[in-house]
Amino acid sequence: MRVGSSKTLKTQVRVVAATNANMQERIENGRFRDDLFYRLNTISIFLPPLRDRQSDIQLLFDKFALDIAEESRVPVIKLDNEASELLKKYYWPGNIRQLKHVVQNLSIVETERLITADILQKHLICPVSPIYAICPLCHIVRRSVHRLVRCYLFSVYTSIRRPQPST
């Protein structure tokens, strides 16, 4: 129905939604309505994170490199074997979006078209090194520091808000 009209108009709507949250867990915890979930959940597609699909990483890199080269009118970048292995070892906390951004940065910023592991490592947020074979540690540390800061700020806030005893 249009605003100010009494005539009903029929429409067809398709909703495409994506989440990285565990919806069953959210429903059980009361954080998402189950009736809405069952109304929306016609077709579910589970796509594992990029770090669990190592065989896709090189294919996606090549696709993004070709697209960006055409878009930006620059020569296509390629990876040497060592850089290719580095891509597969990386944790990819930002999934495919992060991979695409890395390819964009390499394509536009780097003048060298054959990307080595050293060049690639400069464009990764949390570089892979022999000490940290993959990046989950960085992610865990970042989350832990965030929680620690939140707890500290909360304790400071509550101590300020607490009424002082009168003498």
Foldseek 3Di string as FASTA:
>chain_A
DDVPDPDDDDDDDADDDDDPDDVVVCCVVVNDPPVVCVVNPPDDDDDDFPLVVLVCLQVLLQVLQVVLCVVVVHDGAAEDPQLSVQSNQEPPPVGSVLSSVLSNCCRPVPPDRYDYNVNSQVSDPDGADPVRSYDVVVVVVVVVVVVVVVVVVVVVVVVVVDDDDDD
